[in-house]
Amino acid sequence: MPAPIADRIAAEVKDNPVMLYMKGTPDQPMCGFSATVVQVLKSMNVPFKGTNVLDDPELRQGIKDFSNWPTIPQLYIKGEFIGGCDIVREMHASGELKKLLQDKKILNVA
């Protein structure tokens, strides 16, 4: 992976407490998996930055190399790679995602 794209990804992940690499945008997801992760985050009122990998082929491959994960979307919370759609959906259903977001001080404990 070229250093500039790795550096860009590392900076985005560091600078955004909740970072989602996705196909499309949060307002207009371009695949069902990305839409599902956006829906989960929005349903929990989680502020996040979404980056459209379809706009940049180098980023689209670079994020896969960065995480060593073959699919998109990819969710990062406080610099930690969480996973893709299935993992996020399972964590949401079990309550694990809410707990993680509370532990990382992204969601206030209600």
Protein backbone atom coordinates (compact mmCIF):
# COMPACT_ATOMS: atom_id res chain seq x y z
CA MET A 1 0.00 0.00 0.00
CA PRO A 2 1.43 3.41 -0.93
CA ALA A 3 2.45 5.41 2.14
CA PRO A 4 0.34 8.50 1.32
CA ILE A 5 -2.93 6.54 1.30
CA ALA A 6 -1.96 4.67 4.48
CA ASP A 7 -1.06 7.99 6.12
CA ARG A 8 -4.37 9.51 5.02
CA ILE A 9 -6.35 6.58 6.42
CA ALA A 10 -4.38 6.60 9.68
CA ALA A 11 -5.02 10.34 10.08
CA GLU A 12 -8.77 10.00 9.36
CA VAL A 13 -9.12 7.12 11.79
CA LYS A 14 -7.18 9.06 14.45
CA ASP A 15 -9.01 12.38 13.91
CA ASN A 16 -12.58 11.00 13.83
CA PRO A 17 -13.83 9.13 16.91
CA VAL A 18 -16.24 7.14 14.71
CA MET A 19 -15.06 6.64 11.14
CA LEU A 20 -16.96 4.66 8.51
CA TYR A 21 -15.45 3.75 5.16
CA MET A 22 -18.42 3.00 2.96
CA LYS A 23 -19.83 2.86 -0.54
CA GLY A 24 -21.71 6.11 -0.99
CA THR A 25 -22.33 8.74 1.64
CA PRO A 26 -24.23 8.66 4.94
CA ASP A 27 -27.09 10.51 3.24
CA GLN A 28 -26.99 8.34 0.12
CA PRO A 29 -25.45 4.89 0.70
CA MET A 30 -24.68 3.03 -2.53
CA CYS A 31 -24.93 -0.51 -1.16
CA GLY A 32 -27.16 -2.31 1.30
CA PHE A 33 -24.33 -3.21 3.66
CA SER A 34 -23.20 0.41 3.95
CA ALA A 35 -26.82 1.49 4.39
CA THR A 36 -27.26 -0.98 7.25
CA VAL A 37 -24.24 0.32 9.17
CA VAL A 38 -25.36 3.93 8.62
CA GLN A 39 -28.85 3.00 9.86
CA VAL A 40 -27.42 1.37 13.02
CA LEU A 41 -25.24 4.38 13.82
CA LYS A 42 -28.02 6.88 13.14
CA SER A 43 -30.52 4.88 15.21
CA MET A 44 -28.12 5.20 18.15
CA ASN A 45 -27.51 8.93 17.49
CA VAL A 46 -23.80 8.26 17.03
CA PRO A 47 -21.94 11.12 15.33
CA PHE A 48 -19.65 9.71 12.66
CA LYS A 49 -17.74 10.60 9.54
CA GLY A 50 -18.47 8.59 6.43
CA THR A 51 -15.99 8.46 3.56
CA ASN A 52 -17.09 7.24 0.13
CA VAL A 53 -14.53 4.75 -1.18
CA LEU A 54 -16.20 4.78 -4.61
CA ASP A 55 -14.80 8.30 -5.19
CA ASP A 56 -11.20 7.09 -4.93
CA PRO A 57 -9.99 3.70 -6.26
CA GLU A 58 -6.72 4.06 -4.35
CA LEU A 59 -8.65 4.53 -1.09
CA ARG A 60 -11.00 1.66 -1.93
CA GLN A 61 -8.06 -0.76 -2.10
CA GLY A 62 -6.02 1.06 0.52
CA ILE A 63 -8.60 0.64 3.28
CA LYS A 64 -8.73 -3.10 2.63
CA ASP A 65 -4.93 -3.29 2.90
CA PHE A 66 -4.89 -1.00 5.96
CA SER A 67 -7.29 -3.20 7.94
CA ASN A 68 -6.40 -6.50 6.31
CA TRP A 69 -10.17 -6.90 5.83
CA PRO A 70 -11.54 -7.70 2.35
CA THR A 71 -14.90 -5.95 2.38
CA ILE A 72 -16.50 -2.54 2.74
CA PRO A 73 -18.03 -0.99 4.83
CA GLN A 74 -15.45 -0.78 7.59
CA LEU A 75 -16.14 0.84 10.94
CA TYR A 76 -13.49 2.29 13.26
CA ILE A 77 -14.20 3.52 16.78
CA LYS A 78 -11.51 5.57 18.53
CA GLY A 79 -8.90 4.18 16.17
CA GLU A 80 -9.93 0.54 16.64
CA PHE A 81 -11.14 -1.47 13.66
CA ILE A 82 -14.52 -2.92 14.60
CA GLY A 83 -15.54 -4.74 11.44
CA GLY A 84 -18.06 -4.71 8.64
CA CYS A 85 -21.81 -4.88 8.32
CA ASP A 86 -22.44 -8.31 9.86
CA ILE A 87 -20.24 -7.63 12.89
CA VAL A 88 -21.78 -4.19 13.48
CA ARG A 89 -25.30 -5.61 13.13
CA GLU A 90 -24.53 -8.47 15.57
CA MET A 91 -22.88 -6.12 18.07
CA HIS A 92 -25.89 -3.78 17.88
CA ALA A 93 -28.37 -6.63 18.41
CA SER A 94 -26.47 -7.96 21.43
CA GLY A 95 -25.97 -4.54 23.04
CA GLU A 96 -22.19 -4.89 22.69
CA LEU A 97 -21.95 -1.91 20.31
CA LYS A 98 -23.77 0.38 22.74
CA LYS A 99 -21.48 -0.73 25.57
CA LEU A 100 -18.37 -0.18 23.45
CA LEU A 101 -19.55 3.31 22.45
CA GLN A 102 -20.24 4.12 26.11
CA ASP A 103 -16.87 2.74 27.23
CA LYS A 104 -15.12 4.83 24.56
CA LYS A 105 -17.05 7.92 25.75
CA ILE A 106 -18.87 8.35 22.43
CA LEU A 107 -22.31 7.73 23.88
CA ASN A 108 -23.36 9.00 27.28
CA VAL A 109 -24.58 6.38 29.67
CA ALA A 110 -28.32 6.88 29.94
